[in-house]
């Protein structure tokens, strides 16, 4: 599921956070994905995940960003790698 509403946790067990930008920022990068997954868990959605490394980027993610995002993915309910590049 990509979007939801009040009570949607009764109908789905997993949620994907969408197409994040590759970066560290709090708007759509790794920090935003961690916040989204924590919020989903508190909302009753037990499994969630994001595109590891980000989906949209102007230049390839750094090695450190890949490693940190992979670490988040390992402990998430879904480990998903998909990148769209530019």
PDB file of N, CA and C in Angstrom:
ATOM      1  N   UNK A   1       0.849  -1.173   0.000  1.00  0.00           N
ATOM      2  CA  UNK A   1       0.000   0.000   0.000  1.00  0.00           C
ATOM      3  C   UNK A   1       0.891   1.231   0.000  1.00  0.00           C
ATOM      4  N   UNK A   2       0.516   2.206  -0.766  1.00  0.00           N
ATOM      5  CA  UNK A   2       1.294   3.434  -0.833  1.00  0.00           C
ATOM      6  C   UNK A   2       0.630   4.577  -0.071  1.00  0.00           C
ATOM      7  N   UNK A   3      -0.666   4.526   0.077  1.00  0.00           N
ATOM      8  CA  UNK A   3      -1.367   5.569   0.828  1.00  0.00           C
ATOM      9  C   UNK A   3      -2.386   4.912   1.749  1.00  0.00           C
ATOM     10  N   UNK A   4      -2.917   5.679   2.673  1.00  0.00           N
ATOM     11  CA  UNK A   4      -3.863   5.100   3.612  1.00  0.00           C
ATOM     12  C   UNK A   4      -4.763   6.152   4.217  1.00  0.00           C
ATOM     13  N   UNK A   5      -5.577   5.727   5.139  1.00  0.00           N
ATOM     14  CA  UNK A   5      -6.530   6.586   5.808  1.00  0.00           C
ATOM     15  C   UNK A   5      -6.812   5.982   7.179  1.00  0.00           C
ATOM     16  N   UNK A   6      -7.608   6.647   7.971  1.00  0.00           N
ATOM     17  CA  UNK A   6      -7.943   6.150   9.300  1.00  0.00           C
ATOM     18  C   UNK A   6      -8.587   4.773   9.190  1.00  0.00           C
ATOM     19  N   UNK A   7      -8.033   3.818   9.890  1.00  0.00           N
ATOM     20  CA  UNK A   7      -8.563   2.458   9.874  1.00  0.00           C
ATOM     21  C   UNK A   7      -7.956   1.550   8.823  1.00  0.00           C
ATOM     22  N   UNK A   8      -7.065   2.070   7.980  1.00  0.00           N
ATOM     23  CA  UNK A   8      -6.512   1.230   6.909  1.00  0.00           C
ATOM     24  C   UNK A   8      -5.633   0.106   7.440  1.00  0.00           C
ATOM     25  N   UNK A   9      -5.158   0.212   8.679  1.00  0.00           N
ATOM     26  CA  UNK A   9      -4.344  -0.859   9.242  1.00  0.00           C
ATOM     27  C   UNK A   9      -5.143  -2.156   9.383  1.00  0.00           C
ATOM     28  N   UNK A  10      -6.455  -2.075   9.350  1.00  0.00           N
ATOM     29  CA  UNK A  10      -7.290  -3.281   9.415  1.00  0.00           C
ATOM     30  C   UNK A  10      -7.301  -4.029   8.084  1.00  0.00           C
ATOM     31  N   UNK A  11      -6.909  -3.356   7.004  1.00  0.00           N
ATOM     32  CA  UNK A  11      -7.003  -3.953   5.674  1.00  0.00           C
ATOM     33  C   UNK A  11      -5.657  -4.215   5.020  1.00  0.00           C
ATOM     34  N   UNK A  12      -4.597  -3.757   5.587  1.00  0.00           N
ATOM     35  CA  UNK A  12      -3.274  -3.988   5.000  1.00  0.00           C
ATOM     36  C   UNK A  12      -2.269  -4.283   6.101  1.00  0.00           C
ATOM     37  N   UNK A  13      -1.278  -5.044   5.789  1.00  0.00           N
ATOM     38  CA  UNK A  13      -0.255  -5.388   6.778  1.00  0.00           C
ATOM     39  C   UNK A  13       1.070  -4.701   6.479  1.00  0.00           C
ATOM     40  N   UNK A  14       1.208  -4.092   5.301  1.00  0.00           N
ATOM     41  CA  UNK A  14       2.488  -3.470   4.937  1.00  0.00           C
ATOM     42  C   UNK A  14       2.244  -2.155   4.204  1.00  0.00           C
ATOM     43  N   UNK A  15       3.207  -1.271   4.314  1.00  0.00           N
ATOM     44  CA  UNK A  15       3.113   0.032   3.667  1.00  0.00           C
ATOM     45  C   UNK A  15       4.487   0.415   3.121  1.00  0.00           C
ATOM     46  N   UNK A  16       4.492   0.917   1.896  1.00  0.00           N
ATOM     47  CA  UNK A  16       5.715   1.404   1.258  1.00  0.00           C
ATOM     48  C   UNK A  16       5.637   2.922   1.271  1.00  0.00           C
ATOM     49  N   UNK A  17       6.714   3.587   1.602  1.00  0.00           N
ATOM     50  CA  UNK A  17       6.678   5.033   1.818  1.00  0.00           C
ATOM     51  C   UNK A  17       6.753   5.876   0.551  1.00  0.00           C
ATOM     52  N   UNK A  18       6.851   5.282  -0.611  1.00  0.00           N
ATOM     53  CA  UNK A  18       6.861   6.049  -1.854  1.00  0.00           C
ATOM     54  C   UNK A  18       8.243   6.140  -2.470  1.00  0.00           C
ATOM     55  N   UNK A  19       8.448   7.135  -3.312  1.00  0.00           N
ATOM     56  CA  UNK A  19       9.703   7.326  -4.042  1.00  0.00           C
ATOM     57  C   UNK A  19      10.536   8.427  -3.384  1.00  0.00           C
ATOM     58  N   UNK A  20      11.392   8.080  -2.428  1.00  0.00           N
ATOM     59  CA  UNK A  20      12.167   9.107  -1.731  1.00  0.00           C
ATOM     60  C   UNK A  20      13.343   9.617  -2.564  1.00  0.00           C
ATOM     61  N   UNK A  21      13.761  10.823  -2.260  1.00  0.00           N
ATOM     62  CA  UNK A  21      14.980  11.362  -2.853  1.00  0.00           C
ATOM     63  C   UNK A  21      16.181  10.754  -2.143  1.00  0.00           C
ATOM     64  N   UNK A  22      17.246  10.557  -2.884  1.00  0.00           N
ATOM     65  CA  UNK A  22      18.469  10.012  -2.312  1.00  0.00           C
ATOM     66  C   UNK A  22      19.219  11.135  -1.616  1.00  0.00           C
ATOM     67  N   UNK A  23      19.282  11.065  -0.313  1.00  0.00           N
ATOM     68  CA  UNK A  23      19.969  12.091   0.452  1.00  0.00           C
ATOM     69  C   UNK A  23      19.685  11.918   1.925  1.00  0.00           C
ATOM     70  N   UNK A  24      20.218  12.845   2.691  1.00  0.00           N
ATOM     71  CA  UNK A  24      20.083  12.782   4.147  1.00  0.00           C
ATOM     72  C   UNK A  24      18.959  13.669   4.663  1.00  0.00           C
ATOM     73  N   UNK A  25      18.353  14.474   3.810  1.00  0.00           N
ATOM     74  CA  UNK A  25      17.427  15.511   4.262  1.00  0.00           C
ATOM     75  C   UNK A  25      16.160  14.967   4.923  1.00  0.00           C
ATOM     76  N   UNK A  26      15.519  15.867   5.670  1.00  0.00           N
ATOM     77  CA  UNK A  26      14.325  15.500   6.431  1.00  0.00           C
ATOM     78  C   UNK A  26      13.042  15.671   5.629  1.00  0.00           C
ATOM     79  N   UNK A  27      13.138  16.161   4.399  1.00  0.00           N
ATOM     80  CA  UNK A  27      11.944  16.340   3.574  1.00  0.00           C
ATOM     81  C   UNK A  27      11.556  15.061   2.846  1.00  0.00           C
ATOM     82  N   UNK A  28      12.527  14.365   2.260  1.00  0.00           N
ATOM     83  CA  UNK A  28      12.217  13.147   1.519  1.00  0.00           C
ATOM     84  C   UNK A  28      13.364  12.147   1.538  1.00  0.00           C
ATOM     85  N   UNK A  29      14.442  12.464   2.215  1.00  0.00           N
ATOM     86  CA  UNK A  29      15.600  11.572   2.250  1.00  0.00           C
ATOM     87  C   UNK A  29      15.496  10.513   3.330  1.00  0.00           C
ATOM     88  N   UNK A  30      16.630   9.992   3.721  1.00  0.00           N
ATOM     89  CA  UNK A  30      16.682   8.916   4.707  1.00  0.00           C
ATOM     90  C   UNK A  30      16.015   9.307   6.024  1.00  0.00           C
ATOM     91  N   UNK A  31      16.269  10.514   6.499  1.00  0.00           N
ATOM     92  CA  UNK A  31      15.669  10.946   7.771  1.00  0.00           C
ATOM     93  C   UNK A  31      14.143  10.930   7.695  1.00  0.00           C
ATOM     94  N   UNK A  32      13.592  11.358   6.574  1.00  0.00           N
ATOM     95  CA  UNK A  32      12.135  11.361   6.403  1.00  0.00           C
ATOM     96  C   UNK A  32      11.575   9.946   6.372  1.00  0.00           C
ATOM     97  N   UNK A  33      12.324   9.018   5.789  1.00  0.00           N
ATOM     98  CA  UNK A  33      11.849   7.638   5.703  1.00  0.00           C
ATOM     99  C   UNK A  33      11.824   6.974   7.077  1.00  0.00           C
ATOM    100  N   UNK A  34      12.822   7.263   7.891  1.00  0.00           N
ATOM    101  CA  UNK A  34      12.848   6.711   9.253  1.00  0.00           C
ATOM    102  C   UNK A  34      11.651   7.248  10.044  1.00  0.00           C
ATOM    103  N   UNK A  35      11.400   8.545   9.936  1.00  0.00           N
ATOM    104  CA  UNK A  35      10.246   9.141  10.631  1.00  0.00           C
ATOM    105  C   UNK A  35       8.936   8.530  10.145  1.00  0.00           C
ATOM    106  N   UNK A  36       8.808   8.346   8.840  1.00  0.00           N
ATOM    107  CA  UNK A  36       7.580   7.773   8.278  1.00  0.00           C
ATOM    108  C   UNK A  36       7.353   6.356   8.785  1.00  0.00           C
ATOM    109  N   UNK A  37       8.413   5.557   8.823  1.00  0.00           N
ATOM    110  CA  UNK A  37       8.263   4.172   9.269  1.00  0.00           C
ATOM    111  C   UNK A  37       7.922   4.095  10.757  1.00  0.00           C
ATOM    112  N   UNK A  38       8.511   4.955  11.562  1.00  0.00           N
ATOM    113  CA  UNK A  38       8.169   4.987  12.985  1.00  0.00           C
ATOM    114  C   UNK A  38       6.710   5.405  13.185  1.00  0.00           C
ATOM    115  N   UNK A  39       6.279   6.407  12.438  1.00  0.00           N
ATOM    116  CA  UNK A  39       4.900   6.869  12.535  1.00  0.00           C
ATOM    117  C   UNK A  39       3.921   5.788  12.091  1.00  0.00           C
ATOM    118  N   UNK A  40       4.255   5.073  11.024  1.00  0.00           N
ATOM    119  CA  UNK A  40       3.391   3.981  10.572  1.00  0.00           C
ATOM    120  C   UNK A  40       3.261   2.907  11.644  1.00  0.00           C
ATOM    121  N   UNK A  41       4.364   2.577  12.291  1.00  0.00           N
ATOM    122  CA  UNK A  41       4.322   1.582  13.362  1.00  0.00           C
ATOM    123  C   UNK A  41       3.431   2.019  14.505  1.00  0.00           C
ATOM    124  N   UNK A  42       3.527   3.287  14.879  1.00  0.00           N
ATOM    125  CA  UNK A  42       2.676   3.820  15.944  1.00  0.00           C
ATOM    126  C   UNK A  42       1.208   3.881  15.523  1.00  0.00           C
ATOM    127  N   UNK A  43       0.963   3.894  14.212  1.00  0.00           N
ATOM    128  CA  UNK A  43      -0.402   3.950  13.689  1.00  0.00           C
ATOM    129  C   UNK A  43      -1.011   2.571  13.472  1.00  0.00           C
ATOM    130  N   UNK A  44      -0.267   1.529  13.809  1.00  0.00           N
ATOM    131  CA  UNK A  44      -0.811   0.182  13.691  1.00  0.00           C
ATOM    132  C   UNK A  44      -0.421  -0.570  12.441  1.00  0.00           C
ATOM    133  N   UNK A  45       0.423   0.005  11.591  1.00  0.00           N
ATOM    134  CA  UNK A  45       0.916  -0.697  10.403  1.00  0.00           C
ATOM    135  C   UNK A  45       2.213  -1.388  10.823  1.00  0.00           C
ATOM    136  N   UNK A  46       2.221  -2.720  10.953  1.00  0.00           N
ATOM    137  CA  UNK A  46       3.382  -3.392  11.526  1.00  0.00           C
ATOM    138  C   UNK A  46       4.602  -3.481  10.614  1.00  0.00           C
ATOM    139  N   UNK A  47       4.403  -3.462   9.302  1.00  0.00           N
ATOM    140  CA  UNK A  47       5.517  -3.613   8.371  1.00  0.00           C
ATOM    141  C   UNK A  47       5.534  -2.447   7.396  1.00  0.00           C
ATOM    142  N   UNK A  48       6.705  -1.851   7.233  1.00  0.00           N
ATOM    143  CA  UNK A  48       6.853  -0.763   6.272  1.00  0.00           C
ATOM    144  C   UNK A  48       8.285  -0.742   5.769  1.00  0.00           C
ATOM    145  N   UNK A  49       8.492  -0.041   4.672  1.00  0.00           N
ATOM    146  CA  UNK A  49       9.831   0.068   4.112  1.00  0.00           C
ATOM    147  C   UNK A  49       9.890   1.164   3.068  1.00  0.00           C
ATOM    148  N   UNK A  50      11.095   1.485   2.645  1.00  0.00           N
ATOM    149  CA  UNK A  50      11.299   2.494   1.610  1.00  0.00           C
ATOM    150  C   UNK A  50      12.327   1.971   0.616  1.00  0.00           C
ATOM    151  N   UNK A  51      12.489   2.691  -0.485  1.00  0.00           N
ATOM    152  CA  UNK A  51      13.487   2.321  -1.487  1.00  0.00           C
ATOM    153  C   UNK A  51      14.875   2.573  -0.910  1.00  0.00           C
ATOM    154  N   UNK A  52      15.628   1.517  -0.660  1.00  0.00           N
ATOM    155  CA  UNK A  52      16.962   1.654  -0.070  1.00  0.00           C
ATOM    156  C   UNK A  52      17.872   2.436  -1.020  1.00  0.00           C
ATOM    157  N   UNK A  53      18.485   3.476  -0.506  1.00  0.00           N
ATOM    158  CA  UNK A  53      19.351   4.321  -1.315  1.00  0.00           C
ATOM    159  C   UNK A  53      18.621   5.485  -1.957  1.00  0.00           C
ATOM    160  N   UNK A  54      17.301   5.482  -1.865  1.00  0.00           N
ATOM    161  CA  UNK A  54      16.499   6.516  -2.503  1.00  0.00           C
ATOM    162  C   UNK A  54      16.119   6.115  -3.916  1.00  0.00           C
ATOM    163  N   UNK A  55      15.047   6.672  -4.421  1.00  0.00           N
ATOM    164  CA  UNK A  55      14.577   6.351  -5.766  1.00  0.00           C
ATOM    165  C   UNK A  55      14.980   7.418  -6.766  1.00  0.00           C
ATOM    166  N   UNK A  56      14.900   8.670  -6.359  1.00  0.00           N
ATOM    167  CA  UNK A  56      15.185   9.790  -7.251  1.00  0.00           C
ATOM    168  C   UNK A  56      16.500  10.434  -6.842  1.00  0.00           C
ATOM    169  N   UNK A  57      17.413  10.597  -7.793  1.00  0.00           N
ATOM    170  CA  UNK A  57      18.678  11.242  -7.482  1.00  0.00           C
ATOM    171  C   UNK A  57      19.286  11.880  -8.713  1.00  0.00           C
ATOM    172  N   UNK A  58      20.079  12.912  -8.482  1.00  0.00           N
ATOM    173  CA  UNK A  58      20.798  13.585  -9.552  1.00  0.00           C
ATOM    174  C   UNK A  58      22.178  12.986  -9.740  1.00  0.00           C
ATOM    175  N   UNK A  59      22.742  12.454  -8.669  1.00  0.00           N
ATOM    176  CA  UNK A  59      24.011  11.736  -8.736  1.00  0.00           C
ATOM    177  C   UNK A  59      23.882  10.517  -7.830  1.00  0.00           C
ATOM    178  N   UNK A  60      24.630   9.470  -8.102  1.00  0.00           N
ATOM    179  CA  UNK A  60      24.498   8.246  -7.298  1.00  0.00           C
ATOM    180  C   UNK A  60      24.725   8.510  -5.811  1.00  0.00           C
ATOM    181  N   UNK A  61      24.012   7.791  -4.947  1.00  0.00           N
ATOM    182  CA  UNK A  61      24.187   7.950  -3.507  1.00  0.00           C
ATOM    183  C   UNK A  61      25.607   7.592  -3.074  1.00  0.00           C
ATOM    184  N   UNK A  62      26.069   8.239  -2.026  1.00  0.00           N
ATOM    185  CA  UNK A  62      27.398   7.925  -1.497  1.00  0.00           C
ATOM    186  C   UNK A  62      27.385   6.539  -0.863  1.00  0.00           C
ATOM    187  N   UNK A  63      28.568   5.986  -0.679  1.00  0.00           N
ATOM    188  CA  UNK A  63      28.676   4.664  -0.055  1.00  0.00           C
ATOM    189  C   UNK A  63      28.112   4.683   1.366  1.00  0.00           C
ATOM    190  N   UNK A  64      28.384   5.767   2.097  1.00  0.00           N
ATOM    191  CA  UNK A  64      27.876   5.853   3.470  1.00  0.00           C
ATOM    192  C   UNK A  64      26.342   5.887   3.492  1.00  0.00           C
ATOM    193  N   UNK A  65      25.736   6.630   2.560  1.00  0.00           N
ATOM    194  CA  UNK A  65      24.277   6.686   2.506  1.00  0.00           C
ATOM    195  C   UNK A  65      23.701   5.302   2.201  1.00  0.00           C
ATOM    196  N   UNK A  66      24.301   4.583   1.252  1.00  0.00           N
ATOM    197  CA  UNK A  66      23.852   3.216   0.941  1.00  0.00           C
ATOM    198  C   UNK A  66      23.941   2.324   2.175  1.00  0.00           C
ATOM    199  N   UNK A  67      25.051   2.397   2.886  1.00  0.00           N
ATOM    200  CA  UNK A  67      25.223   1.553   4.072  1.00  0.00           C
ATOM    201  C   UNK A  67      24.211   1.896   5.162  1.00  0.00           C
ATOM    202  N   UNK A  68      24.004   3.173   5.420  1.00  0.00           N
ATOM    203  CA  UNK A  68      23.048   3.586   6.460  1.00  0.00           C
ATOM    204  C   UNK A  68      21.620   3.202   6.074  1.00  0.00           C
ATOM    205  N   UNK A  69      21.276   3.403   4.811  1.00  0.00           N
ATOM    206  CA  UNK A  69      19.922   3.087   4.361  1.00  0.00           C
ATOM    207  C   UNK A  69      19.700   1.570   4.373  1.00  0.00           C
ATOM    208  N   UNK A  70      20.730   0.820   4.030  1.00  0.00           N
ATOM    209  CA  UNK A  70      20.633  -0.641   4.101  1.00  0.00           C
ATOM    210  C   UNK A  70      20.443  -1.095   5.542  1.00  0.00           C
ATOM    211  N   UNK A  71      21.142  -0.458   6.474  1.00  0.00           N
ATOM    212  CA  UNK A  71      20.983  -0.799   7.891  1.00  0.00           C
ATOM    213  C   UNK A  71      19.551  -0.545   8.353  1.00  0.00           C
ATOM    214  N   UNK A  72      18.953   0.545   7.908  1.00  0.00           N
ATOM    215  CA  UNK A  72      17.551   0.815   8.236  1.00  0.00           C
ATOM    216  C   UNK A  72      16.655  -0.244   7.588  1.00  0.00           C
ATOM    217  N   UNK A  73      16.958  -0.598   6.346  1.00  0.00           N
ATOM    218  CA  UNK A  73      16.163  -1.604   5.643  1.00  0.00           C
ATOM    219  C   UNK A  73      16.199  -2.968   6.303  1.00  0.00           C
ATOM    220  N   UNK A  74      17.346  -3.328   6.859  1.00  0.00           N
ATOM    221  CA  UNK A  74      17.493  -4.633   7.513  1.00  0.00           C
ATOM    222  C   UNK A  74      16.546  -4.765   8.700  1.00  0.00           C
ATOM    223  N   UNK A  75      16.344  -3.700   9.438  1.00  0.00           N
ATOM    224  CA  UNK A  75      15.475  -3.770  10.615  1.00  0.00           C
ATOM    225  C   UNK A  75      14.041  -3.313  10.318  1.00  0.00           C
ATOM    226  N   UNK A  76      13.751  -2.997   9.067  1.00  0.00           N
ATOM    227  CA  UNK A  76      12.391  -2.633   8.669  1.00  0.00           C
ATOM    228  C   UNK A  76      11.597  -3.896   8.359  1.00  0.00           C
ATOM    229  N   UNK A  77      10.309  -3.732   8.241  1.00  0.00           N
ATOM    230  CA  UNK A  77       9.454  -4.864   7.907  1.00  0.00           C
ATOM    231  C   UNK A  77       9.614  -5.329   6.476  1.00  0.00           C
ATOM    232  N   UNK A  78      10.081  -4.446   5.596  1.00  0.00           N
ATOM    233  CA  UNK A  78      10.304  -4.782   4.189  1.00  0.00           C
ATOM    234  C   UNK A  78      11.665  -4.227   3.788  1.00  0.00           C
ATOM    235  N   UNK A  79      12.433  -5.029   3.092  1.00  0.00           N
ATOM    236  CA  UNK A  79      13.724  -4.564   2.571  1.00  0.00           C
ATOM    237  C   UNK A  79      13.571  -4.462   1.061  1.00  0.00           C
ATOM    238  N   UNK A  80      13.588  -3.239   0.550  1.00  0.00           N
ATOM    239  CA  UNK A  80      13.238  -2.984  -0.840  1.00  0.00           C
ATOM    240  C   UNK A  80      14.316  -2.145  -1.508  1.00  0.00           C
ATOM    241  N   UNK A  81      14.910  -2.665  -2.560  1.00  0.00           N
ATOM    242  CA  UNK A  81      15.885  -1.884  -3.322  1.00  0.00           C
ATOM    243  C   UNK A  81      15.323  -1.614  -4.701  1.00  0.00           C
ATOM    244  N   UNK A  82      15.228  -0.353  -5.024  1.00  0.00           N
ATOM    245  CA  UNK A  82      14.767   0.059  -6.345  1.00  0.00           C
ATOM    246  C   UNK A  82      15.216   1.489  -6.518  1.00  0.00           C
ATOM    247  N   UNK A  83      15.816   1.771  -7.636  1.00  0.00           N
ATOM    248  CA  UNK A  83      16.251   3.135  -7.883  1.00  0.00           C
ATOM    249  C   UNK A  83      15.831   3.551  -9.276  1.00  0.00           C
ATOM    250  N   UNK A  84      15.443   4.807  -9.396  1.00  0.00           N
ATOM    251  CA  UNK A  84      15.028   5.319 -10.684  1.00  0.00           C
ATOM    252  C   UNK A  84      16.084   6.207 -11.305  1.00  0.00           C
ATOM    253  N   UNK A  85      17.107   6.529 -10.525  1.00  0.00           N
ATOM    254  CA  UNK A  85      18.138   7.423 -11.037  1.00  0.00           C
ATOM    255  C   UNK A  85      17.599   8.822 -11.215  1.00  0.00           C
ATOM    256  N   UNK A  86      17.909   9.435 -12.342  1.00  0.00           N
ATOM    257  CA  UNK A  86      17.458  10.807 -12.566  1.00  0.00           C
ATOM    258  C   UNK A  86      16.116  10.837 -13.226  1.00  0.00           C
TER     259      UNK A  86
END
